[in-house]
Amino acid sequence: MEKDIDYYLNLNWTLIEGEDLDFEGNPYHYIMIEEIPSFCFCAKTIEKARENYKKQLKLTLMVMLETEEHITEPGEDSGEIDWESICP
């Protein structure tokens, strides 16, 4: 099976949603994807973030595919050590 852009866009990514303040103290909302640590999409409202994050995700995935970077899929072991669980 060829894993193309459509394959990756339709995976059940682990979304992390949050709210923070910009440098001027104004609130904004963000969506991060656990499996792609470099991904973060921001918008003024959570509704806009949810509505539009896939546009940026598509661009991110296109670059990752073009550069042959490994794309960790949901449920795949990233191979990274979970230091928080092993350190007291």
PDB file of N, CA and C in Angstrom:
ATOM      1  N   MET A   1       0.834  -1.190   0.000  1.00  0.00           N
ATOM      2  CA  MET A   1       0.000   0.000   0.000  1.00  0.00           C
ATOM      3  C   MET A   1       0.873   1.246   0.000  1.00  0.00           C
ATOM      4  N   GLU A   2       0.604   2.134  -0.944  1.00  0.00           N
ATOM      5  CA  GLU A   2       1.365   3.376  -1.009  1.00  0.00           C
ATOM      6  C   GLU A   2       0.803   4.369   0.002  1.00  0.00           C
ATOM      7  N   LYS A   3       1.672   4.915   0.790  1.00  0.00           N
ATOM      8  CA  LYS A   3       1.259   5.887   1.805  1.00  0.00           C
ATOM      9  C   LYS A   3       1.485   7.287   1.233  1.00  0.00           C
ATOM     10  N   ASP A   4       0.412   7.827   0.666  1.00  0.00           N
ATOM     11  CA  ASP A   4       0.495   9.147   0.070  1.00  0.00           C
ATOM     12  C   ASP A   4      -0.115  10.195   0.997  1.00  0.00           C
ATOM     13  N   ILE A   5      -0.209  11.416   0.509  1.00  0.00           N
ATOM     14  CA  ILE A   5      -0.710  12.511   1.333  1.00  0.00           C
ATOM     15  C   ILE A   5      -2.127  12.250   1.837  1.00  0.00           C
ATOM     16  N   ASP A   6      -2.977  11.668   0.995  1.00  0.00           N
ATOM     17  CA  ASP A   6      -4.351  11.386   1.418  1.00  0.00           C
ATOM     18  C   ASP A   6      -4.386  10.342   2.530  1.00  0.00           C
ATOM     19  N   TYR A   7      -3.508   9.346   2.441  1.00  0.00           N
ATOM     20  CA  TYR A   7      -3.419   8.329   3.493  1.00  0.00           C
ATOM     21  C   TYR A   7      -3.132   9.004   4.835  1.00  0.00           C
ATOM     22  N   TYR A   8      -2.106   9.856   4.853  1.00  0.00           N
ATOM     23  CA  TYR A   8      -1.696  10.485   6.109  1.00  0.00           C
ATOM     24  C   TYR A   8      -2.728  11.497   6.619  1.00  0.00           C
ATOM     25  N   LEU A   9      -3.370  12.223   5.729  1.00  0.00           N
ATOM     26  CA  LEU A   9      -4.375  13.201   6.157  1.00  0.00           C
ATOM     27  C   LEU A   9      -5.569  12.550   6.836  1.00  0.00           C
ATOM     28  N   ASN A  10      -5.834  11.300   6.506  1.00  0.00           N
ATOM     29  CA  ASN A  10      -7.003  10.618   7.058  1.00  0.00           C
ATOM     30  C   ASN A  10      -6.704   9.749   8.277  1.00  0.00           C
ATOM     31  N   LEU A  11      -5.480   9.834   8.813  1.00  0.00           N
ATOM     32  CA  LEU A  11      -5.167   9.092  10.030  1.00  0.00           C
ATOM     33  C   LEU A  11      -5.825   9.768  11.236  1.00  0.00           C
ATOM     34  N   ASN A  12      -6.006   9.008  12.280  1.00  0.00           N
ATOM     35  CA  ASN A  12      -6.619   9.522  13.508  1.00  0.00           C
ATOM     36  C   ASN A  12      -5.524  10.105  14.407  1.00  0.00           C
ATOM     37  N   TRP A  13      -5.056  11.297  14.044  1.00  0.00           N
ATOM     38  CA  TRP A  13      -3.969  11.940  14.776  1.00  0.00           C
ATOM     39  C   TRP A  13      -4.386  12.276  16.200  1.00  0.00           C
ATOM     40  N   THR A  14      -3.418  12.286  17.107  1.00  0.00           N
ATOM     41  CA  THR A  14      -3.668  12.659  18.497  1.00  0.00           C
ATOM     42  C   THR A  14      -3.527  14.171  18.612  1.00  0.00           C
ATOM     43  N   LEU A  15      -4.666  14.860  18.692  1.00  0.00           N
ATOM     44  CA  LEU A  15      -4.664  16.315  18.761  1.00  0.00           C
ATOM     45  C   LEU A  15      -4.539  16.783  20.205  1.00  0.00           C
ATOM     46  N   ILE A  16      -3.740  17.807  20.393  1.00  0.00           N
ATOM     47  CA  ILE A  16      -3.583  18.450  21.696  1.00  0.00           C
ATOM     48  C   ILE A  16      -4.043  19.888  21.505  1.00  0.00           C
ATOM     49  N   GLU A  17      -5.136  20.244  22.172  1.00  0.00           N
ATOM     50  CA  GLU A  17      -5.683  21.587  22.042  1.00  0.00           C
ATOM     51  C   GLU A  17      -5.384  22.383  23.296  1.00  0.00           C
ATOM     52  N   GLY A  18      -5.139  23.664  23.104  1.00  0.00           N
ATOM     53  CA  GLY A  18      -4.867  24.500  24.260  1.00  0.00           C
ATOM     54  C   GLY A  18      -5.094  25.967  23.969  1.00  0.00           C
ATOM     55  N   GLU A  19      -4.914  26.759  24.999  1.00  0.00           N
ATOM     56  CA  GLU A  19      -5.073  28.210  24.890  1.00  0.00           C
ATOM     57  C   GLU A  19      -3.891  28.865  25.580  1.00  0.00           C
ATOM     58  N   ASP A  20      -3.439  29.969  25.014  1.00  0.00           N
ATOM     59  CA  ASP A  20      -2.314  30.696  25.586  1.00  0.00           C
ATOM     60  C   ASP A  20      -2.506  32.175  25.266  1.00  0.00           C
ATOM     61  N   LEU A  21      -1.560  32.990  25.717  1.00  0.00           N
ATOM     62  CA  LEU A  21      -1.594  34.415  25.444  1.00  0.00           C
ATOM     63  C   LEU A  21      -0.444  34.777  24.513  1.00  0.00           C
ATOM     64  N   ASP A  22      -0.725  35.701  23.575  1.00  0.00           N
ATOM     65  CA  ASP A  22       0.350  36.161  22.701  1.00  0.00           C
ATOM     66  C   ASP A  22       1.192  37.199  23.442  1.00  0.00           C
ATOM     67  N   PHE A  23       2.147  37.814  22.751  1.00  0.00           N
ATOM     68  CA  PHE A  23       3.064  38.764  23.391  1.00  0.00           C
ATOM     69  C   PHE A  23       2.374  40.032  23.874  1.00  0.00           C
ATOM     70  N   GLU A  24       1.175  40.280  23.367  1.00  0.00           N
ATOM     71  CA  GLU A  24       0.424  41.465  23.787  1.00  0.00           C
ATOM     72  C   GLU A  24      -0.648  41.124  24.818  1.00  0.00           C
ATOM     73  N   GLY A  25      -0.682  39.858  25.262  1.00  0.00           N
ATOM     74  CA  GLY A  25      -1.639  39.440  26.275  1.00  0.00           C
ATOM     75  C   GLY A  25      -2.989  39.007  25.735  1.00  0.00           C
ATOM     76  N   ASN A  26      -3.102  38.888  24.423  1.00  0.00           N
ATOM     77  CA  ASN A  26      -4.357  38.455  23.815  1.00  0.00           C
ATOM     78  C   ASN A  26      -4.413  36.932  23.739  1.00  0.00           C
ATOM     79  N   PRO A  27      -5.566  36.347  24.040  1.00  0.00           N
ATOM     80  CA  PRO A  27      -5.666  34.886  23.989  1.00  0.00           C
ATOM     81  C   PRO A  27      -5.693  34.360  22.554  1.00  0.00           C
ATOM     82  N   TYR A  28      -5.123  33.189  22.370  1.00  0.00           N
ATOM     83  CA  TYR A  28      -5.217  32.471  21.111  1.00  0.00           C
ATOM     84  C   TYR A  28      -5.338  30.988  21.430  1.00  0.00           C
ATOM     85  N   HIS A  29      -5.787  30.220  20.474  1.00  0.00           N
ATOM     86  CA  HIS A  29      -5.970  28.781  20.640  1.00  0.00           C
ATOM     87  C   HIS A  29      -5.012  28.059  19.699  1.00  0.00           C
ATOM     88  N   TYR A  30      -4.560  26.899  20.134  1.00  0.00           N
ATOM     89  CA  TYR A  30      -3.631  26.145  19.298  1.00  0.00           C
ATOM     90  C   TYR A  30      -4.027  24.673  19.247  1.00  0.00           C
ATOM     91  N   ILE A  31      -3.567  24.047  18.182  1.00  0.00           N
ATOM     92  CA  ILE A  31      -3.694  22.601  18.030  1.00  0.00           C
ATOM     93  C   ILE A  31      -2.312  22.069  17.694  1.00  0.00           C
ATOM     94  N   MET A  32      -1.876  21.110  18.487  1.00  0.00           N
ATOM     95  CA  MET A  32      -0.621  20.411  18.227  1.00  0.00           C
ATOM     96  C   MET A  32      -0.973  18.960  17.923  1.00  0.00           C
ATOM     97  N   ILE A  33      -0.052  18.257  17.280  1.00  0.00           N
ATOM     98  CA  ILE A  33      -0.247  16.845  16.983  1.00  0.00           C
ATOM     99  C   ILE A  33       0.864  16.078  17.680  1.00  0.00           C
ATOM    100  N   GLU A  34       0.475  15.185  18.584  1.00  0.00           N
ATOM    101  CA  GLU A  34       1.441  14.457  19.401  1.00  0.00           C
ATOM    102  C   GLU A  34       2.476  13.726  18.556  1.00  0.00           C
ATOM    103  N   GLU A  35       2.050  13.132  17.460  1.00  0.00           N
ATOM    104  CA  GLU A  35       2.952  12.327  16.633  1.00  0.00           C
ATOM    105  C   GLU A  35       3.893  13.172  15.779  1.00  0.00           C
ATOM    106  N   ILE A  36       3.600  14.469  15.618  1.00  0.00           N
ATOM    107  CA  ILE A  36       4.454  15.363  14.830  1.00  0.00           C
ATOM    108  C   ILE A  36       4.856  16.528  15.738  1.00  0.00           C
ATOM    109  N   PRO A  37       5.914  16.365  16.521  1.00  0.00           N
ATOM    110  CA  PRO A  37       6.282  17.373  17.522  1.00  0.00           C
ATOM    111  C   PRO A  37       6.501  18.782  16.960  1.00  0.00           C
ATOM    112  N   SER A  38       6.858  18.908  15.690  1.00  0.00           N
ATOM    113  CA  SER A  38       7.113  20.229  15.111  1.00  0.00           C
ATOM    114  C   SER A  38       5.832  20.929  14.659  1.00  0.00           C
ATOM    115  N   PHE A  39       4.676  20.268  14.769  1.00  0.00           N
ATOM    116  CA  PHE A  39       3.423  20.831  14.275  1.00  0.00           C
ATOM    117  C   PHE A  39       2.689  21.622  15.347  1.00  0.00           C
ATOM    118  N   CYS A  40       2.303  22.846  14.991  1.00  0.00           N
ATOM    119  CA  CYS A  40       1.447  23.657  15.866  1.00  0.00           C
ATOM    120  C   CYS A  40       0.687  24.645  14.985  1.00  0.00           C
ATOM    121  N   PHE A  41      -0.626  24.677  15.138  1.00  0.00           N
ATOM    122  CA  PHE A  41      -1.462  25.603  14.385  1.00  0.00           C
ATOM    123  C   PHE A  41      -2.196  26.497  15.377  1.00  0.00           C
ATOM    124  N   CYS A  42      -2.190  27.808  15.113  1.00  0.00           N
ATOM    125  CA  CYS A  42      -2.806  28.769  16.026  1.00  0.00           C
ATOM    126  C   CYS A  42      -3.914  29.552  15.328  1.00  0.00           C
ATOM    127  N   ALA A  43      -4.929  29.920  16.097  1.00  0.00           N
ATOM    128  CA  ALA A  43      -6.034  30.739  15.598  1.00  0.00           C
ATOM    129  C   ALA A  43      -6.650  31.508  16.770  1.00  0.00           C
ATOM    130  N   LYS A  44      -7.468  32.497  16.436  1.00  0.00           N
ATOM    131  CA  LYS A  44      -8.086  33.313  17.486  1.00  0.00           C
ATOM    132  C   LYS A  44      -9.132  32.538  18.276  1.00  0.00           C
ATOM    133  N   THR A  45      -9.786  31.561  17.649  1.00  0.00           N
ATOM    134  CA  THR A  45     -10.793  30.760  18.347  1.00  0.00           C
ATOM    135  C   THR A  45     -10.493  29.283  18.137  1.00  0.00           C
ATOM    136  N   ILE A  46     -10.963  28.445  19.055  1.00  0.00           N
ATOM    137  CA  ILE A  46     -10.751  27.008  18.915  1.00  0.00           C
ATOM    138  C   ILE A  46     -11.521  26.474  17.712  1.00  0.00           C
ATOM    139  N   GLU A  47     -12.656  27.081  17.407  1.00  0.00           N
ATOM    140  CA  GLU A  47     -13.435  26.652  16.246  1.00  0.00           C
ATOM    141  C   GLU A  47     -12.645  26.868  14.956  1.00  0.00           C
ATOM    142  N   LYS A  48     -12.002  28.033  14.835  1.00  0.00           N
ATOM    143  CA  LYS A  48     -11.187  28.319  13.641  1.00  0.00           C
ATOM    144  C   LYS A  48      -9.972  27.404  13.588  1.00  0.00           C
ATOM    145  N   ALA A  49      -9.382  27.118  14.735  1.00  0.00           N
ATOM    146  CA  ALA A  49      -8.229  26.214  14.762  1.00  0.00           C
ATOM    147  C   ALA A  49      -8.639  24.830  14.276  1.00  0.00           C
ATOM    148  N   ARG A  50      -9.765  24.323  14.780  1.00  0.00           N
ATOM    149  CA  ARG A  50     -10.255  23.002  14.370  1.00  0.00           C
ATOM    150  C   ARG A  50     -10.624  22.984  12.890  1.00  0.00           C
ATOM    151  N   GLU A  51     -11.168  24.081  12.417  1.00  0.00           N
ATOM    152  CA  GLU A  51     -11.617  24.176  11.028  1.00  0.00           C
ATOM    153  C   GLU A  51     -10.450  24.215  10.044  1.00  0.00           C
ATOM    154  N   ASN A  52      -9.328  24.801  10.455  1.00  0.00           N
ATOM    155  CA  ASN A  52      -8.256  25.086   9.497  1.00  0.00           C
ATOM    156  C   ASN A  52      -6.923  24.372   9.710  1.00  0.00           C
ATOM    157  N   TYR A  53      -6.747  23.621  10.794  1.00  0.00           N
ATOM    158  CA  TYR A  53      -5.426  23.041  11.054  1.00  0.00           C
ATOM    159  C   TYR A  53      -5.000  22.044   9.976  1.00  0.00           C
ATOM    160  N   LYS A  54      -5.964  21.401   9.314  1.00  0.00           N
ATOM    161  CA  LYS A  54      -5.606  20.391   8.310  1.00  0.00           C
ATOM    162  C   LYS A  54      -4.922  21.001   7.091  1.00  0.00           C
ATOM    163  N   LYS A  55      -5.149  22.283   6.833  1.00  0.00           N
ATOM    164  CA  LYS A  55      -4.449  22.946   5.721  1.00  0.00           C
ATOM    165  C   LYS A  55      -2.951  22.969   6.006  1.00  0.00           C
ATOM    166  N   GLN A  56      -2.593  23.337   7.242  1.00  0.00           N
ATOM    167  CA  GLN A  56      -1.177  23.359   7.613  1.00  0.00           C
ATOM    168  C   GLN A  56      -0.634  21.945   7.734  1.00  0.00           C
ATOM    169  N   LEU A  57      -1.454  21.020   8.232  1.00  0.00           N
ATOM    170  CA  LEU A  57      -1.021  19.632   8.338  1.00  0.00           C
ATOM    171  C   LEU A  57      -0.659  19.086   6.959  1.00  0.00           C
ATOM    172  N   LYS A  58      -1.468  19.401   5.963  1.00  0.00           N
ATOM    173  CA  LYS A  58      -1.187  18.935   4.604  1.00  0.00           C
ATOM    174  C   LYS A  58       0.168  19.444   4.124  1.00  0.00           C
ATOM    175  N   LEU A  59       0.454  20.723   4.346  1.00  0.00           N
ATOM    176  CA  LEU A  59       1.742  21.288   3.937  1.00  0.00           C
ATOM    177  C   LEU A  59       2.899  20.631   4.691  1.00  0.00           C
ATOM    178  N   THR A  60       2.714  20.427   5.986  1.00  0.00           N
ATOM    179  CA  THR A  60       3.749  19.779   6.803  1.00  0.00           C
ATOM    180  C   THR A  60       4.033  18.371   6.292  1.00  0.00           C
ATOM    181  N   LEU A  61       2.976  17.607   6.031  1.00  0.00           N
ATOM    182  CA  LEU A  61       3.138  16.237   5.541  1.00  0.00           C
ATOM    183  C   LEU A  61       3.771  16.202   4.158  1.00  0.00           C
ATOM    184  N   MET A  62       3.423  17.168   3.301  1.00  0.00           N
ATOM    185  CA  MET A  62       4.018  17.221   1.964  1.00  0.00           C
ATOM    186  C   MET A  62       5.532  17.396   2.059  1.00  0.00           C
ATOM    187  N   VAL A  63       5.980  18.277   2.941  1.00  0.00           N
ATOM    188  CA  VAL A  63       7.422  18.495   3.128  1.00  0.00           C
ATOM    189  C   VAL A  63       8.074  17.234   3.689  1.00  0.00           C
ATOM    190  N   MET A  64       7.426  16.620   4.675  1.00  0.00           N
ATOM    191  CA  MET A  64       7.985  15.413   5.283  1.00  0.00           C
ATOM    192  C   MET A  64       8.105  14.286   4.255  1.00  0.00           C
ATOM    193  N   LEU A  65       7.106  14.147   3.395  1.00  0.00           N
ATOM    194  CA  LEU A  65       7.166  13.117   2.354  1.00  0.00           C
ATOM    195  C   LEU A  65       8.243  13.442   1.323  1.00  0.00           C
ATOM    196  N   GLU A  66       8.338  14.702   0.944  1.00  0.00           N
ATOM    197  CA  GLU A  66       9.324  15.115  -0.056  1.00  0.00           C
ATOM    198  C   GLU A  66      10.751  14.905   0.435  1.00  0.00           C
ATOM    199  N   THR A  67      10.980  15.157   1.714  1.00  0.00           N
ATOM    200  CA  THR A  67      12.329  15.004   2.269  1.00  0.00           C
ATOM    201  C   THR A  67      12.573  13.603   2.828  1.00  0.00           C
ATOM    202  N   GLU A  68      11.565  12.738   2.644  1.00  0.00           N
ATOM    203  CA  GLU A  68      11.634  11.344   3.104  1.00  0.00           C
ATOM    204  C   GLU A  68      11.851  11.228   4.612  1.00  0.00           C
ATOM    205  N   GLU A  69      11.319  12.188   5.345  1.00  0.00           N
ATOM    206  CA  GLU A  69      11.372  12.150   6.806  1.00  0.00           C
ATOM    207  C   GLU A  69      10.375  11.106   7.306  1.00  0.00           C
ATOM    208  N   HIS A  70      10.762  10.366   8.318  1.00  0.00           N
ATOM    209  CA  HIS A  70       9.853   9.363   8.871  1.00  0.00           C
ATOM    210  C   HIS A  70       8.657  10.049   9.511  1.00  0.00           C
ATOM    211  N   ILE A  71       7.460   9.580   9.187  1.00  0.00           N
ATOM    212  CA  ILE A  71       6.230  10.109   9.764  1.00  0.00           C
ATOM    213  C   ILE A  71       5.708   9.071  10.754  1.00  0.00           C
ATOM    214  N   THR A  72       5.756   9.426  12.016  1.00  0.00           N
ATOM    215  CA  THR A  72       5.253   8.536  13.059  1.00  0.00           C
ATOM    216  C   THR A  72       3.733   8.541  13.007  1.00  0.00           C
ATOM    217  N   GLU A  73       3.151   7.381  12.814  1.00  0.00           N
ATOM    218  CA  GLU A  73       1.703   7.270  12.725  1.00  0.00           C
ATOM    219  C   GLU A  73       1.092   7.070  14.114  1.00  0.00           C
ATOM    220  N   PRO A  74      -0.178   7.450  14.273  1.00  0.00           N
ATOM    221  CA  PRO A  74      -0.844   7.224  15.558  1.00  0.00           C
ATOM    222  C   PRO A  74      -0.757   5.752  15.961  1.00  0.00           C
ATOM    223  N   GLY A  75      -0.382   5.510  17.196  1.00  0.00           N
ATOM    224  CA  GLY A  75      -0.255   4.149  17.707  1.00  0.00           C
ATOM    225  C   GLY A  75       1.109   3.529  17.478  1.00  0.00           C
ATOM    226  N   GLU A  76       1.937   4.168  16.685  1.00  0.00           N
ATOM    227  CA  GLU A  76       3.284   3.655  16.413  1.00  0.00           C
ATOM    228  C   GLU A  76       4.218   4.097  17.535  1.00  0.00           C
ATOM    229  N   ASP A  77       5.063   3.197  17.985  1.00  0.00           N
ATOM    230  CA  ASP A  77       6.035   3.525  19.017  1.00  0.00           C
ATOM    231  C   ASP A  77       7.081   4.442  18.406  1.00  0.00           C
ATOM    232  N   SER A  78       7.246   5.622  18.993  1.00  0.00           N
ATOM    233  CA  SER A  78       8.196   6.593  18.448  1.00  0.00           C
ATOM    234  C   SER A  78       9.639   6.192  18.725  1.00  0.00           C
ATOM    235  N   GLY A  79       9.847   5.259  19.653  1.00  0.00           N
ATOM    236  CA  GLY A  79      11.193   4.833  19.982  1.00  0.00           C
ATOM    237  C   GLY A  79      11.888   5.752  20.978  1.00  0.00           C
ATOM    238  N   GLU A  80      11.220   6.846  21.339  1.00  0.00           N
ATOM    239  CA  GLU A  80      11.808   7.774  22.290  1.00  0.00           C
ATOM    240  C   GLU A  80      11.559   7.278  23.710  1.00  0.00           C
ATOM    241  N   ILE A  81      12.500   7.555  24.570  1.00  0.00           N
ATOM    242  CA  ILE A  81      12.380   7.168  25.975  1.00  0.00           C
ATOM    243  C   ILE A  81      11.460   8.148  26.682  1.00  0.00           C
ATOM    244  N   ASP A  82      10.503   7.632  27.430  1.00  0.00           N
ATOM    245  CA  ASP A  82       9.609   8.462  28.232  1.00  0.00           C
ATOM    246  C   ASP A  82      10.287   8.706  29.577  1.00  0.00           C
ATOM    247  N   TRP A  83      11.101   9.754  29.623  1.00  0.00           N
ATOM    248  CA  TRP A  83      11.894  10.032  30.817  1.00  0.00           C
ATOM    249  C   TRP A  83      11.034  10.310  32.045  1.00  0.00           C
ATOM    250  N   GLU A  84       9.874  10.914  31.864  1.00  0.00           N
ATOM    251  CA  GLU A  84       9.013  11.228  32.999  1.00  0.00           C
ATOM    252  C   GLU A  84       8.522   9.969  33.715  1.00  0.00           C
ATOM    253  N   SER A  85       8.360   8.878  32.976  1.00  0.00           N
ATOM    254  CA  SER A  85       7.849   7.664  33.604  1.00  0.00           C
ATOM    255  C   SER A  85       8.947   6.849  34.284  1.00  0.00           C
ATOM    256  N   ILE A  86      10.216   7.099  33.929  1.00  0.00           N
ATOM    257  CA  ILE A  86      11.279   6.302  34.538  1.00  0.00           C
ATOM    258  C   ILE A  86      12.114   7.072  35.560  1.00  0.00           C
ATOM    259  N   CYS A  87      11.960   8.398  35.603  1.00  0.00           N
ATOM    260  CA  CYS A  87      12.703   9.187  36.570  1.00  0.00           C
ATOM    261  C   CYS A  87      11.813   9.515  37.771  1.00  0.00           C
ATOM    262  N   PRO A  88      12.368   9.398  38.963  1.00  0.00           N
ATOM    263  CA  PRO A  88      11.558   9.706  40.154  1.00  0.00           C
ATOM    264  C   PRO A  88      11.283  11.182  40.294  1.00  0.00           C
TER     265      PRO A  88
END
